[in-house]
Amino acid sequence: MGRVWSDENKFQKWLEVELAVTETLAEAGIVPREAAAKLRERARVDVARINEIEANVRHDVIAFTVAVQETVGDPEAARWLHYGLTSNDVVDTAQALLVRDASRLIEQGIARFGEILEKRAWEFKDTPEIGRTHGIHAEPITFGLKLANWYAEIRRDAARFETAAREMAVGKISGAVGTCTHLGPEIEQKICQRLGLAAAPITSQVVERDRHAQYLSALAILAASLERVTVEIRHLQRTEVREVEEPFGGEQRGSSAMPHKRNPVSSEQVSGLARVVRANSLAAMENIALWHERDISHSSVERIILPDSTILADYMLHRTAEIVAKMRVFPERMMHNLDATHGLVFSGQLLQDLVEHGAPREDAYKWVQGHAMAAWESESSFQDRVAADANIRKFLDEKALAHTFDLRRQLRAVDAIFFRVFGRRSAGEKSSAAR
């Protein structure tokens, strides 16, 4: 990803656009074929020379064209470089090529992370864990369901990002105010096709920045999804919980003062970097409104936010994938925590069963809540308390209460949910998509 955004590669993409223009114009009989051939053969990028010229002319595209013309060594051929173009014909079209390369790397990262989530979801499909709402024990889930939930979100991220990347894959050779005055729409179309891009249907001097805002927003949502994963891992690693632990190297140290510390620093890093990507998406939205057919206020911003956001997203994907792939999971601790409230997590099922067997809902709610609060305060068995209540036993006998407090009953829909997410019923099956 760093190579994609290097100065060398940026100028190489500018040259790729320039050569596509001259070769297309040569095919149209506008530029001599010999000149186009010589430009393809001899034109080279010299970053140091470009920077040297720019220091004087204070214009990067002019510095680029002058430096490239010097490498051609034939004034007759060199004069056709940049023919009929304005700076942003080159810059915006080349930027689309850079973003396309960056997007491919991010798409690979998303796919890899999805594979890891899928593998670990099946690994822990039937591992019971307490579900939490507001940070408080709610009802049983499995750790595999949590991972499958993350997987489903990452698939949505992939679809969002694919759409945004496609919207960015457009070029423009439409001139200083978008009127295609000098080369014409047909030539613009052919140049863009040559580069593997769609031609923007209409532009000002620049490709309109709503596309860029959508792209940065997709990256921001992806970063937020990765943060969601790492925030959960951080919570599950807390000493009082300790159901999951991110990888901790053999020589790694958690604290200069406390040798026992094993801190979730990698997850915290991902959480922090997500804030940067989200902030960059706001800057992209600020770039949408430019003066008339173009000003330059967006340019300095994009020199930061496009490389930074794609580099960060790529890094965060690799980092989070490593965390999830290598994290330690403690099923016994999950079960211990699930049992910590002595059966309170079945209160919702008990209420439902009472109503189903004829109890008035308001009465049933009061009975269940009363026993729940008493069991919570006294740390006594919720099941024993309700089993001794004549009001409850009037509607539920011993067998019915055993069914109420059956953990397997709570998790009976796990297979069906996994089928909806992954399109198959076991880890070994091929997905419906693959079939």
Protein backbone atom coordinates (compact mmCIF):
# COMPACT_ATOMS: atom_id res chain seq x y z
CA MET A 1 0.00 0.00 0.00
CA GLY A 2 2.89 2.34 0.70
CA ARG A 3 4.22 1.73 -2.80
CA VAL A 4 0.83 2.63 -4.31
CA TRP A 5 1.04 6.12 -2.79
CA SER A 6 4.74 6.72 -3.40
CA ASP A 7 5.76 9.76 -5.48
CA GLU A 8 7.37 7.42 -7.99
CA ASN A 9 4.12 5.54 -8.56
CA LYS A 10 2.01 8.70 -8.60
CA PHE A 11 4.09 10.24 -11.37
CA GLN A 12 4.20 6.91 -13.18
CA LYS A 13 0.39 6.92 -13.23
CA TRP A 14 0.44 10.50 -14.54
CA LEU A 15 2.73 9.30 -17.34
CA GLU A 16 0.40 6.36 -18.00
CA VAL A 17 -2.45 8.81 -18.57
CA GLU A 18 -0.34 11.06 -20.79
CA LEU A 19 0.75 8.13 -22.95
CA ALA A 20 -2.80 6.81 -23.21
CA VAL A 21 -3.83 10.24 -24.50
CA THR A 22 -1.11 10.50 -27.15
CA GLU A 23 -1.65 6.94 -28.36
CA THR A 24 -5.40 7.43 -28.62
CA LEU A 25 -4.88 10.70 -30.47
CA ALA A 26 -2.40 8.97 -32.78
CA GLU A 27 -5.01 6.35 -33.65
CA ALA A 28 -7.41 9.23 -34.40
CA GLY A 29 -4.85 10.83 -36.73
CA ILE A 30 -4.36 13.90 -34.53
CA VAL A 31 -0.88 13.10 -33.18
CA PRO A 32 1.81 11.61 -35.45
CA ARG A 33 2.13 7.89 -34.78
CA GLU A 34 5.92 8.22 -34.71
CA ALA A 35 5.68 10.81 -31.94
CA ALA A 36 3.38 8.63 -29.85
CA ALA A 37 5.72 5.66 -30.33
CA LYS A 38 8.76 7.70 -29.26
CA LEU A 39 6.93 9.00 -26.19
CA ARG A 40 6.05 5.43 -25.20
CA GLU A 41 9.63 4.28 -25.79
CA ARG A 42 11.57 7.14 -24.22
CA ALA A 43 9.42 9.04 -21.70
CA ARG A 44 10.57 8.43 -18.15
CA VAL A 45 9.78 9.68 -14.64
CA ASP A 46 12.57 11.29 -12.61
CA VAL A 47 11.15 12.25 -9.21
CA ALA A 48 14.19 14.26 -8.16
CA ARG A 49 14.13 16.30 -11.38
CA ILE A 50 10.37 16.92 -11.06
CA ASN A 51 10.83 18.19 -7.52
CA GLU A 52 13.74 20.38 -8.62
CA ILE A 53 11.65 22.05 -11.34
CA GLU A 54 8.60 22.38 -9.10
CA ALA A 55 10.65 24.29 -6.54
CA ASN A 56 10.93 27.03 -9.18
CA VAL A 57 7.67 26.89 -11.15
CA ARG A 58 5.44 26.08 -8.13
CA HIS A 59 3.20 23.84 -10.25
CA ASP A 60 3.51 20.08 -10.00
CA VAL A 61 1.98 19.16 -13.37
CA ILE A 62 4.10 21.69 -15.26
CA ALA A 63 7.18 20.41 -13.44
CA PHE A 64 6.18 16.87 -14.41
CA THR A 65 5.65 17.64 -18.10
CA VAL A 66 8.91 19.58 -18.40
CA ALA A 67 10.89 16.80 -16.69
CA VAL A 68 9.32 14.09 -18.85
CA GLN A 69 9.90 16.07 -22.05
CA GLU A 70 13.58 16.29 -21.15
CA THR A 71 13.81 12.48 -21.06
CA VAL A 72 12.37 12.10 -24.56
CA GLY A 73 15.32 13.75 -26.27
CA ASP A 74 13.30 14.61 -29.36
CA PRO A 75 11.57 18.02 -29.39
CA GLU A 76 9.32 17.04 -32.29
CA ALA A 77 7.92 14.09 -30.34
CA ALA A 78 8.04 15.79 -26.94
CA ARG A 79 5.83 18.68 -28.05
CA TRP A 80 2.84 16.34 -28.27
CA LEU A 81 3.04 15.44 -24.58
CA HIS A 82 0.07 16.91 -22.69
CA TYR A 83 -1.58 17.97 -25.95
CA GLY A 84 -5.15 19.18 -25.45
CA LEU A 85 -5.09 18.55 -21.69
CA THR A 86 -5.53 20.54 -18.53
CA SER A 87 -3.78 19.53 -15.33
CA ASN A 88 -6.74 17.79 -13.75
CA ASP A 89 -7.35 15.68 -16.83
CA VAL A 90 -4.12 14.01 -15.79
CA VAL A 91 -4.31 14.32 -12.01
CA ASP A 92 -7.90 13.17 -11.48
CA THR A 93 -7.68 10.36 -14.02
CA ALA A 94 -4.41 9.13 -12.57
CA GLN A 95 -5.86 9.39 -9.07
CA ALA A 96 -8.57 6.97 -10.16
CA LEU A 97 -5.83 4.52 -11.14
CA LEU A 98 -4.13 4.94 -7.76
CA VAL A 99 -7.38 4.46 -5.87
CA ARG A 100 -8.14 1.39 -7.98
CA ASP A 101 -4.83 -0.20 -6.97
CA ALA A 102 -5.35 0.73 -3.32
CA SER A 103 -8.89 -0.61 -3.40
CA ARG A 104 -7.78 -4.00 -4.68
CA LEU A 105 -5.48 -4.37 -1.68
CA ILE A 106 -8.25 -3.39 0.72
CA GLU A 107 -10.67 -5.80 -0.94
CA GLN A 108 -8.11 -8.57 -0.47
CA GLY A 109 -7.79 -7.60 3.20
CA ILE A 110 -11.55 -7.66 3.69
CA ALA A 111 -11.80 -11.08 2.05
CA ARG A 112 -9.00 -12.49 4.21
CA PHE A 113 -10.55 -11.13 7.39
CA GLY A 114 -13.92 -12.58 6.39
CA GLU A 115 -12.34 -16.01 5.96
CA ILE A 116 -10.81 -15.82 9.43
CA LEU A 117 -14.09 -14.76 11.01
CA GLU A 118 -15.93 -17.55 9.22
CA LYS A 119 -13.41 -20.18 10.37
CA ARG A 120 -13.52 -19.09 14.00
CA ALA A 121 -17.30 -18.71 13.96
CA TRP A 122 -17.68 -22.38 13.08
CA GLU A 123 -15.02 -23.28 15.64
CA PHE A 124 -17.13 -21.76 18.44
CA LYS A 125 -20.61 -22.22 16.97
CA ASP A 126 -21.81 -24.23 19.95
CA THR A 127 -19.70 -22.60 22.70
CA PRO A 128 -22.19 -21.09 25.18
CA GLU A 129 -21.59 -17.54 26.35
CA ILE A 130 -23.70 -15.00 28.16
CA GLY A 131 -25.12 -12.27 25.96
CA ARG A 132 -24.89 -8.79 27.45
CA THR A 133 -27.00 -5.70 26.93
CA HIS A 134 -26.05 -2.41 28.59
CA GLY A 135 -23.05 -4.36 29.94
CA ILE A 136 -25.41 -6.51 32.03
CA HIS A 137 -26.05 -10.25 31.64
CA ALA A 138 -29.06 -10.79 29.37
CA GLU A 139 -29.66 -14.23 27.79
CA PRO A 140 -27.39 -17.00 26.54
CA ILE A 141 -25.74 -16.84 23.12
CA THR A 142 -22.75 -18.68 21.69
CA PHE A 143 -19.37 -17.15 20.96
CA GLY A 144 -19.77 -18.44 17.42
CA LEU A 145 -22.87 -16.28 17.00
CA LYS A 146 -20.85 -13.22 17.99
CA LEU A 147 -18.22 -14.06 15.38
CA ALA A 148 -20.88 -14.79 12.75
CA ASN A 149 -22.41 -11.39 13.49
CA TRP A 150 -19.05 -9.73 12.81
CA TYR A 151 -18.69 -11.78 9.61
CA ALA A 152 -22.09 -10.62 8.33
CA GLU A 153 -21.13 -7.00 8.97
CA ILE A 154 -17.82 -7.38 7.16
CA ARG A 155 -19.69 -8.75 4.14
CA ARG A 156 -21.82 -5.61 4.15
CA ASP A 157 -18.64 -3.54 4.43
CA ALA A 158 -17.27 -5.39 1.41
CA ALA A 159 -20.38 -4.61 -0.64
CA ARG A 160 -20.37 -0.95 0.40
CA PHE A 161 -16.69 -0.60 -0.39
CA GLU A 162 -17.01 -2.33 -3.75
CA THR A 163 -19.73 0.14 -4.75
CA ALA A 164 -17.70 3.13 -3.59
CA ALA A 165 -14.55 1.90 -5.34
CA ARG A 166 -16.49 1.41 -8.57
CA GLU A 167 -17.79 4.99 -8.36
CA MET A 168 -14.18 6.18 -8.04
CA ALA A 169 -13.01 4.26 -11.12
CA VAL A 170 -13.77 7.10 -13.54
CA GLY A 171 -11.56 9.38 -15.56
CA LYS A 172 -12.08 12.76 -17.20
CA ILE A 173 -10.38 14.29 -20.22
CA SER A 174 -12.93 17.05 -20.51
CA GLY A 175 -10.72 20.12 -20.27
CA ALA A 176 -10.58 23.25 -18.17
CA VAL A 177 -14.32 23.57 -17.46
CA GLY A 178 -15.63 20.16 -18.49
CA THR A 179 -16.86 21.07 -21.97
CA CYS A 180 -14.65 18.61 -23.92
CA THR A 181 -13.80 21.56 -26.16
CA HIS A 182 -10.33 20.51 -27.28
CA LEU A 183 -10.50 16.74 -27.73
CA GLY A 184 -14.21 15.86 -27.71
CA PRO A 185 -16.33 13.33 -25.81
CA GLU A 186 -15.51 10.40 -28.09
CA ILE A 187 -11.78 10.81 -27.59
CA GLU A 188 -12.35 11.14 -23.83
CA GLN A 189 -14.30 7.88 -23.85
CA LYS A 190 -11.58 6.03 -25.78
CA ILE A 191 -8.78 7.32 -23.52
CA CYS A 192 -10.61 6.22 -20.40
CA GLN A 193 -11.37 2.82 -21.93
CA ARG A 194 -7.70 2.43 -22.73
CA LEU A 195 -6.93 2.95 -19.04
CA GLY A 196 -9.66 0.56 -17.90
CA LEU A 197 -11.80 3.35 -16.49
CA ALA A 198 -15.29 4.61 -17.19
CA ALA A 199 -15.54 8.17 -18.46
CA ALA A 200 -17.40 10.42 -16.04
CA PRO A 201 -20.62 11.43 -17.88
CA ILE A 202 -20.13 15.08 -16.95
CA THR A 203 -17.55 17.01 -14.93
CA SER A 204 -16.38 20.51 -14.24
CA GLN A 205 -12.60 20.84 -14.38
CA VAL A 206 -12.50 18.07 -11.79
CA VAL A 207 -14.30 14.83 -11.12
CA GLU A 208 -16.97 15.84 -8.61
CA ARG A 209 -15.98 15.07 -5.03
CA ASP A 210 -19.18 13.37 -3.88
CA ARG A 211 -17.53 10.22 -5.27
CA HIS A 212 -14.53 10.74 -3.00
CA ALA A 213 -16.77 11.44 -0.01
CA GLN A 214 -18.62 8.18 -0.61
CA TYR A 215 -15.32 6.33 -0.85
CA LEU A 216 -13.94 7.81 2.37
CA SER A 217 -17.27 7.16 4.09
CA ALA A 218 -17.10 3.49 3.09
CA LEU A 219 -13.61 3.33 4.57
CA ALA A 220 -14.84 5.05 7.72
CA ILE A 221 -17.66 2.52 8.15
CA LEU A 222 -15.19 -0.32 7.57
CA ALA A 223 -12.91 1.17 10.23
CA ALA A 224 -15.88 1.45 12.60
CA SER A 225 -16.69 -2.23 12.02
CA LEU A 226 -13.12 -3.18 12.87
CA GLU A 227 -13.34 -1.02 15.97
CA ARG A 228 -16.56 -2.79 16.95
CA VAL A 229 -14.68 -6.10 16.88
CA THR A 230 -11.72 -4.82 18.86
CA VAL A 231 -13.82 -2.97 21.46
CA GLU A 232 -15.66 -6.23 22.15
CA ILE A 233 -12.38 -8.11 22.49
CA ARG A 234 -11.16 -5.44 24.91
CA HIS A 235 -14.27 -5.87 27.03
CA LEU A 236 -14.04 -9.65 26.98
CA GLN A 237 -10.38 -9.46 28.05
CA ARG A 238 -11.14 -7.43 31.19
CA THR A 239 -9.96 -9.21 34.32
CA GLU A 240 -13.50 -9.60 35.67
CA VAL A 241 -14.62 -11.22 32.40
CA ARG A 242 -11.56 -12.93 30.84
CA GLU A 243 -13.43 -14.88 28.19
CA VAL A 244 -11.08 -13.87 25.37
CA GLU A 245 -7.51 -12.60 25.20
CA GLU A 246 -5.74 -11.05 22.24
CA PRO A 247 -2.37 -12.58 21.23
CA PHE A 248 0.49 -11.86 23.63
CA GLY A 249 4.05 -12.53 22.42
CA GLY A 250 6.56 -14.56 24.38
CA GLU A 251 8.82 -11.56 24.98
CA GLN A 252 6.00 -9.01 25.10
CA ARG A 253 5.56 -6.92 28.23
CA GLY A 254 2.40 -5.18 29.34
CA SER A 255 3.65 -2.64 31.84
CA SER A 256 6.93 -1.13 32.98
CA ALA A 257 5.70 -1.22 36.59
CA MET A 258 3.39 -4.26 36.79
CA PRO A 259 4.88 -7.47 35.36
CA HIS A 260 1.54 -9.29 35.50
CA LYS A 261 -0.19 -7.03 32.96
CA ARG A 262 -1.38 -8.44 29.62
CA ASN A 263 -3.09 -5.44 28.07
CA PRO A 264 -5.20 -5.46 24.86
CA VAL A 265 -2.91 -2.90 23.23
CA SER A 266 -3.40 -4.12 19.65
CA SER A 267 -7.17 -3.84 19.94
CA GLU A 268 -6.80 -0.41 21.51
CA GLN A 269 -4.59 0.65 18.60
CA VAL A 270 -7.27 -0.34 16.09
CA SER A 271 -9.87 1.58 18.09
CA GLY A 272 -7.70 4.69 18.04
CA LEU A 273 -6.91 4.52 14.32
CA ALA A 274 -10.61 4.16 13.49
CA ARG A 275 -11.08 7.68 14.84
CA VAL A 276 -8.59 9.02 12.31
CA VAL A 277 -10.32 7.35 9.37
CA ARG A 278 -13.71 8.65 10.51
CA ALA A 279 -12.30 12.17 10.82
CA ASN A 280 -10.89 11.90 7.29
CA SER A 281 -14.35 11.07 5.94
CA LEU A 282 -15.59 14.40 7.30
CA ALA A 283 -12.76 16.18 5.48
CA ALA A 284 -13.84 14.42 2.27
CA MET A 285 -17.38 15.75 2.69
CA GLU A 286 -15.99 19.25 3.15
CA ASN A 287 -14.32 18.84 -0.27
CA ILE A 288 -17.61 18.45 -2.15
CA ALA A 289 -18.41 22.17 -2.34
CA LEU A 290 -15.84 23.92 -4.57
CA TRP A 291 -16.04 27.35 -6.18
CA HIS A 292 -17.74 27.34 -9.58
CA GLU A 293 -16.07 24.85 -11.95
CA ARG A 294 -13.15 24.24 -9.60
CA ASP A 295 -10.87 25.62 -6.95
CA ILE A 296 -7.85 23.98 -5.35
CA SER A 297 -9.01 23.72 -1.74
CA HIS A 298 -9.67 19.99 -2.04
CA SER A 299 -6.25 19.12 -3.40
CA SER A 300 -4.16 19.58 -0.28
CA VAL A 301 -6.73 17.67 1.76
CA GLU A 302 -6.76 14.68 -0.59
CA ARG A 303 -2.97 14.45 -0.56
CA ILE A 304 -3.42 13.50 3.09
CA ILE A 305 -6.74 11.72 3.47
CA LEU A 306 -6.62 9.34 0.49
CA PRO A 307 -3.19 7.83 1.23
CA ASP A 308 -3.71 7.93 4.99
CA SER A 309 -7.18 6.38 4.99
CA THR A 310 -6.34 3.57 2.57
CA ILE A 311 -3.04 2.84 4.34
CA LEU A 312 -4.77 2.83 7.73
CA ALA A 313 -7.67 0.66 6.53
CA ASP A 314 -5.22 -1.81 5.02
CA TYR A 315 -3.17 -1.90 8.23
CA MET A 316 -6.24 -2.18 10.48
CA LEU A 317 -7.58 -5.08 8.43
CA HIS A 318 -4.31 -6.97 8.76
CA ARG A 319 -4.02 -6.14 12.46
CA THR A 320 -7.59 -7.12 13.34
CA ALA A 321 -7.35 -10.29 11.27
CA GLU A 322 -4.22 -11.27 13.21
CA ILE A 323 -5.94 -10.55 16.54
CA VAL A 324 -9.00 -12.66 15.71
CA ALA A 325 -6.98 -15.48 14.13
CA LYS A 326 -4.68 -15.86 17.15
CA MET A 327 -6.84 -14.75 20.08
CA ARG A 328 -7.21 -17.16 22.99
CA VAL A 329 -10.76 -18.17 23.85
CA PHE A 330 -11.74 -19.60 27.25
CA PRO A 331 -14.98 -21.65 26.96
CA GLU A 332 -14.87 -22.73 30.62
CA ARG A 333 -14.71 -19.12 31.73
CA MET A 334 -17.63 -18.30 29.42
CA MET A 335 -19.67 -21.03 31.07
CA HIS A 336 -18.61 -19.84 34.53
CA ASN A 337 -19.78 -16.31 33.73
CA LEU A 338 -23.03 -17.59 32.23
CA ASP A 339 -23.77 -19.40 35.51
CA ALA A 340 -22.64 -16.48 37.69
CA THR A 341 -26.18 -15.16 38.27
CA HIS A 342 -27.51 -18.58 39.31
CA GLY A 343 -30.09 -18.88 36.55
CA LEU A 344 -31.33 -15.30 36.30
CA VAL A 345 -30.65 -15.36 32.55
CA PHE A 346 -33.69 -17.63 32.12
CA SER A 347 -36.12 -15.06 33.54
CA GLY A 348 -37.39 -14.06 30.10
CA GLN A 349 -38.07 -17.67 29.16
CA LEU A 350 -39.84 -18.23 32.48
CA LEU A 351 -42.10 -15.22 31.88
CA GLN A 352 -42.95 -16.44 28.40
CA ASP A 353 -43.68 -19.99 29.59
CA LEU A 354 -45.94 -18.75 32.37
CA VAL A 355 -47.98 -16.64 29.97
CA GLU A 356 -48.13 -19.52 27.50
CA HIS A 357 -49.53 -21.78 30.24
CA GLY A 358 -52.28 -19.33 31.20
CA ALA A 359 -50.81 -16.93 33.77
CA PRO A 360 -51.83 -13.25 33.48
CA ARG A 361 -48.82 -11.40 32.09
CA GLU A 362 -48.71 -8.65 34.74
CA ASP A 363 -48.97 -11.16 37.57
CA ALA A 364 -46.34 -13.40 35.99
CA TYR A 365 -43.98 -10.45 35.51
CA LYS A 366 -44.27 -9.48 39.19
CA TRP A 367 -43.67 -13.05 40.37
CA VAL A 368 -40.60 -13.52 38.15
CA GLN A 369 -39.15 -10.10 38.89
CA GLY A 370 -39.59 -10.50 42.63
CA HIS A 371 -37.70 -13.79 42.68
CA ALA A 372 -35.08 -12.42 40.28
CA MET A 373 -34.33 -9.41 42.49
CA ALA A 374 -34.19 -11.53 45.62
CA ALA A 375 -31.92 -14.11 43.99
CA TRP A 376 -29.66 -11.36 42.67
CA GLU A 377 -29.32 -9.66 46.04
CA SER A 378 -28.79 -12.91 47.97
CA GLU A 379 -26.79 -14.71 45.25
CA SER A 380 -29.10 -17.67 45.64
CA SER A 381 -30.56 -20.04 43.04
CA PHE A 382 -33.23 -18.39 40.94
CA GLN A 383 -34.50 -21.77 39.78
CA ASP A 384 -34.89 -23.06 43.36
CA ARG A 385 -36.78 -19.94 44.37
CA VAL A 386 -39.31 -20.10 41.54
CA ALA A 387 -39.72 -23.87 41.99
CA ALA A 388 -40.91 -23.21 45.55
CA ASP A 389 -43.48 -20.56 44.54
CA ALA A 390 -47.03 -21.92 44.58
CA ASN A 391 -48.20 -19.25 42.13
CA ILE A 392 -45.66 -20.40 39.57
CA ARG A 393 -46.09 -24.12 40.25
CA LYS A 394 -49.80 -23.69 39.55
CA PHE A 395 -48.86 -23.17 35.90
CA LEU A 396 -45.51 -25.00 35.53
CA ASP A 397 -44.75 -28.44 36.96
CA GLU A 398 -41.25 -29.84 37.56
CA LYS A 399 -40.87 -31.06 33.97
CA ALA A 400 -42.02 -27.72 32.54
CA LEU A 401 -39.58 -25.80 34.78
CA ALA A 402 -36.72 -28.06 33.68
CA HIS A 403 -37.62 -27.19 30.11
CA THR A 404 -37.63 -23.47 31.01
CA PHE A 405 -34.09 -23.67 32.40
CA ASP A 406 -32.69 -25.84 29.57
CA LEU A 407 -29.69 -24.09 27.98
CA ARG A 408 -30.00 -26.15 24.82
CA ARG A 409 -33.50 -24.78 24.32
CA GLN A 410 -32.12 -21.24 24.43
CA LEU A 411 -29.62 -22.06 21.69
CA ARG A 412 -31.83 -24.22 19.47
CA ALA A 413 -31.85 -21.69 16.61
CA VAL A 414 -28.06 -21.42 16.28
CA ASP A 415 -27.90 -23.84 13.34
CA ALA A 416 -30.65 -21.98 11.49
CA ILE A 417 -28.92 -18.63 12.04
CA PHE A 418 -25.61 -20.01 10.78
CA PHE A 419 -27.39 -21.30 7.70
CA ARG A 420 -28.77 -17.82 7.03
CA VAL A 421 -25.32 -16.26 7.45
CA PHE A 422 -23.11 -18.81 5.71
CA GLY A 423 -25.56 -20.71 3.48
CA ARG A 424 -24.66 -24.09 4.95
CA ARG A 425 -25.29 -26.20 8.04
CA SER A 426 -21.79 -27.41 8.89
CA ALA A 427 -18.22 -26.17 8.70
CA GLY A 428 -17.36 -28.83 6.11
CA GLU A 429 -20.11 -28.08 3.61
CA LYS A 430 -19.48 -25.97 0.55
CA SER A 431 -21.36 -22.69 0.65
CA SER A 432 -24.36 -22.18 -1.58
CA ALA A 433 -22.42 -19.40 -3.30
CA ALA A 434 -19.62 -21.83 -4.14
CA ARG A 435 -22.12 -24.33 -5.50
